[in-house]
Every structure is written in structure tokens, then in C-alpha cells.
């Protein structure tokens, strides 16, 4: 018994959009988490530069 070939789907969006659910009470919002992540990257970059400067002095 042969199974019929399934119809081909064109890649792309289905038209449905996904909205992230609101965070539970007391949890940080997405915007706050994004700001915190950006701040952490900035902090780590500064720490790396400071360490390179210390190594260059010695």
C-alpha cells in the first residue's frame, strides 16, 4: 500500500504572531532584563580593558 505524497509547504511565516506572556508579579520585565544584560556586557568589557592596562604596566 503506497501512501500519497504530502503537499509541499512553502517556507515562511504562517501569519500567526507570538506575543511573549507578561512576567509573573515580582519578576523583571523583558525590557529590564535586556538593559541588565547590556549593562553586564559593558561591565565585563571595562573589566577586560582594565586588566589589559594593568598587564601593560607590569
Protein backbone atom coordinates (compact mmCIF):
# COMPACT_ATOMS: atom_id res chain seq x y z
CA UNK A 1 0.00 0.00 0.00
CA UNK A 2 1.57 3.27 -1.10
CA UNK A 3 0.99 6.44 0.90
CA UNK A 4 0.19 9.56 -1.08
CA UNK A 5 2.86 12.25 -1.07
CA UNK A 6 2.17 15.09 1.36
CA UNK A 7 1.63 18.54 -0.10
CA UNK A 8 4.68 20.79 -0.08
CA UNK A 9 4.70 23.76 2.27
CA UNK A 10 6.30 26.99 1.25
CA UNK A 11 8.70 28.26 3.92
CA UNK A 12 7.77 31.42 5.71
CA UNK A 13 5.53 32.71 8.39
CA UNK A 14 2.11 31.25 8.88
CA UNK A 15 0.63 34.65 9.64
CA UNK A 16 0.37 33.90 13.34
CA UNK A 17 2.34 36.09 15.68
CA UNK A 18 3.65 35.05 19.05
CA UNK A 19 3.39 37.50 21.90
CA UNK A 20 5.56 36.81 24.92
CA UNK A 21 3.46 36.39 28.03
CA UNK A 22 3.62 39.05 30.71
CA UNK A 23 6.03 38.14 33.50
CA UNK A 24 4.53 37.00 36.80
CA UNK A 25 4.22 39.62 39.54
CA UNK A 26 7.59 40.49 41.04
CA UNK A 27 9.58 39.20 38.07
CA UNK A 28 11.63 41.63 35.98
CA UNK A 29 10.17 42.70 32.64
CA UNK A 30 11.83 41.81 29.36
CA UNK A 31 12.96 45.41 28.89
CA UNK A 32 14.63 45.41 32.31
CA UNK A 33 16.33 42.08 31.63
CA UNK A 34 17.64 43.39 28.30
CA UNK A 35 19.01 46.55 29.98
CA UNK A 36 20.66 44.43 32.66
CA UNK A 37 22.26 42.17 30.05
CA UNK A 38 23.60 45.17 28.14
CA UNK A 39 24.98 46.61 31.37
CA UNK A 40 26.67 43.32 32.22
CA UNK A 41 28.37 43.19 28.81
CA UNK A 42 29.58 46.77 29.30
CA UNK A 43 30.86 45.93 32.80
CA UNK A 44 32.76 42.87 31.55
CA UNK A 45 34.28 44.85 28.67
CA UNK A 46 35.52 47.53 31.09
CA UNK A 47 36.97 44.89 33.40
CA UNK A 48 38.80 43.29 30.48
CA UNK A 49 40.27 46.64 29.40
CA UNK A 50 41.33 47.42 32.97
CA UNK A 51 43.11 44.08 33.23
CA UNK A 52 44.91 44.66 29.93
CA UNK A 53 46.08 48.05 31.18
CA UNK A 54 47.36 46.51 34.44
CA UNK A 55 49.26 43.86 32.47
CA UNK A 56 50.74 46.50 30.20
CA UNK A 57 52.07 48.46 33.19
CA UNK A 58 53.91 45.45 34.58
